[in-house]
Amino acid sequence: MIDIKDVKCKNCIQTGNTVVTATEDLKADWKHMIEEERQNWYTTKEVRAKLDVKDILEHEFENLEDEGYEDMAEKLWSDVTDEQLERLQNVLDDIMSSPAAVVFYEHVKINPDSEVRK
């Protein structure tokens, strides 16, 4: 458990609430919150979602093979170059650089009895 004054991450989240709150806003509101409102707050761990070009192509090639012909996926793979994979991965990485690709997970529980300043 961590005291609110010691929270250094940019965002916090409350269990059962999908809204991420800026830590500075939470600290500003903390002293005015009743005990019930201070319950179940956590620091956050940020994880950026990633897409892997090989996983995507494998899935799509298998789908094509289901509708196409035997060994179609294998033949498609044999024609794919490392350069093509790199270019496609760069496009996927660019797409996933969006702030929307960041997922926040509960990390360390914030002590509801702590104060912003002591």
Protein backbone atom coordinates (compact mmCIF):
# COMPACT_ATOMS: atom_id res chain seq x y z
CA MET A 1 0.00 0.00 0.00
CA ILE A 2 1.21 3.51 -0.77
CA ASP A 3 0.25 6.89 0.68
CA ILE A 4 -1.37 9.34 -1.72
CA LYS A 5 1.42 11.87 -1.15
CA ASP A 6 3.97 9.32 -2.40
CA VAL A 7 2.19 8.46 -5.66
CA LYS A 8 4.46 9.37 -8.59
CA CYS A 9 2.68 7.79 -11.58
CA LYS A 10 0.76 10.03 -13.99
CA ASN A 11 -2.59 8.28 -13.56
CA CYS A 12 -4.65 6.37 -11.01
CA ILE A 13 -7.65 4.09 -11.32
CA GLN A 14 -10.38 2.98 -8.95
CA THR A 15 -11.42 -0.67 -8.83
CA GLY A 16 -14.63 -1.18 -10.77
CA ASN A 17 -14.19 2.14 -12.56
CA THR A 18 -12.91 2.18 -16.11
CA VAL A 19 -12.10 5.88 -15.93
CA VAL A 20 -8.44 6.74 -15.51
CA THR A 21 -7.86 9.82 -13.36
CA ALA A 22 -4.79 12.05 -13.51
CA THR A 23 -2.85 11.72 -10.26
CA GLU A 24 -2.66 15.50 -9.83
CA ASP A 25 -6.47 15.70 -10.07
CA LEU A 26 -6.91 12.86 -7.58
CA LYS A 27 -4.50 14.53 -5.14
CA ALA A 28 -6.38 17.83 -5.49
CA ASP A 29 -9.71 16.12 -4.75
CA TRP A 30 -8.40 13.69 -2.09
CA LYS A 31 -8.74 16.01 0.94
CA HIS A 32 -12.39 16.68 0.04
CA MET A 33 -13.32 13.04 -0.50
CA ILE A 34 -15.28 11.12 2.10
CA GLU A 35 -13.89 7.80 3.35
CA GLU A 36 -16.03 5.77 0.96
CA GLU A 37 -14.77 7.73 -2.06
CA ARG A 38 -11.14 7.07 -1.09
CA GLN A 39 -11.59 3.30 -1.20
CA ASN A 40 -10.05 1.05 -3.84
CA TRP A 41 -7.79 3.56 -5.60
CA TYR A 42 -4.64 2.22 -7.24
CA THR A 43 -1.59 3.53 -8.98
CA THR A 44 -1.45 2.36 -12.57
CA LYS A 45 0.87 0.31 -14.66
CA GLU A 46 0.74 1.35 -18.30
CA VAL A 47 1.04 -1.28 -21.01
CA ARG A 48 1.09 -0.42 -24.69
CA ALA A 49 -0.80 -2.88 -26.87
CA LYS A 50 1.26 -4.29 -29.73
CA LEU A 51 0.44 -6.04 -32.96
CA ASP A 52 2.84 -8.57 -34.43
CA VAL A 53 2.96 -8.70 -38.22
CA LYS A 54 3.85 -12.41 -38.29
CA ASP A 55 0.91 -13.32 -36.06
CA ILE A 56 -1.48 -11.27 -38.19
CA LEU A 57 -0.22 -12.69 -41.48
CA GLU A 58 -0.28 -16.24 -40.13
CA HIS A 59 -3.92 -15.82 -39.14
CA GLU A 60 -4.86 -14.23 -42.46
CA PHE A 61 -2.92 -16.73 -44.57
CA GLU A 62 -4.66 -19.60 -42.77
CA ASN A 63 -8.04 -17.96 -43.45
CA LEU A 64 -7.13 -17.61 -47.12
CA GLU A 65 -6.06 -21.25 -47.23
CA ASP A 66 -9.42 -22.31 -45.77
CA GLU A 67 -11.11 -20.62 -48.73
CA GLY A 68 -8.37 -21.24 -51.26
CA TYR A 69 -6.24 -24.33 -51.78
CA GLU A 70 -4.04 -26.73 -49.84
CA ASP A 71 -0.62 -25.31 -48.87
CA MET A 72 -1.64 -21.80 -49.91
CA ALA A 73 -0.40 -20.34 -46.61
CA GLU A 74 2.96 -22.07 -46.96
CA LYS A 75 3.39 -20.78 -50.50
CA LEU A 76 2.45 -17.24 -49.46
CA TRP A 77 4.96 -17.37 -46.61
CA SER A 78 7.71 -18.50 -48.98
CA ASP A 79 7.21 -15.31 -51.02
CA VAL A 80 7.29 -12.92 -48.06
CA THR A 81 10.61 -11.16 -47.57
CA ASP A 82 12.14 -9.88 -44.35
CA GLU A 83 12.02 -6.39 -45.86
CA GLN A 84 8.25 -6.68 -46.41
CA LEU A 85 7.76 -7.90 -42.84
CA GLU A 86 9.81 -5.00 -41.51
CA ARG A 87 7.84 -2.44 -43.54
CA LEU A 88 4.52 -3.89 -42.40
CA GLN A 89 5.69 -4.07 -38.77
CA ASN A 90 6.68 -0.39 -38.96
CA VAL A 91 3.18 0.50 -40.17
CA LEU A 92 1.62 -1.50 -37.32
CA ASP A 93 3.95 0.12 -34.79
CA ASP A 94 2.99 3.55 -36.12
CA ILE A 95 -0.71 2.74 -35.78
CA MET A 96 -0.18 1.43 -32.24
CA SER A 97 1.69 4.58 -31.19
CA SER A 98 -1.75 6.11 -30.60
CA PRO A 99 -2.64 6.99 -26.98
CA ALA A 100 -5.66 4.72 -27.49
CA ALA A 101 -3.29 1.73 -27.54
CA VAL A 102 -2.29 2.24 -23.89
CA VAL A 103 -4.02 0.05 -21.31
CA PHE A 104 -3.93 0.92 -17.61
CA TYR A 105 -3.80 -1.82 -14.99
CA GLU A 106 -4.15 -1.54 -11.22
CA HIS A 107 -0.70 -1.60 -9.67
CA VAL A 108 -0.32 -0.54 -6.01
CA LYS A 109 -3.27 0.16 -3.71
CA ILE A 110 -3.44 3.70 -2.32
CA ASN A 111 -3.92 3.92 1.42
CA PRO A 112 -7.41 5.46 1.87
CA ASP A 113 -6.42 6.84 5.29
CA SER A 114 -3.39 8.70 3.98
CA GLU A 115 -3.28 12.45 3.50
CA VAL A 116 -1.95 14.47 0.58
CA ARG A 117 0.48 16.36 2.84
CA LYS A 118 1.67 15.72 6.36
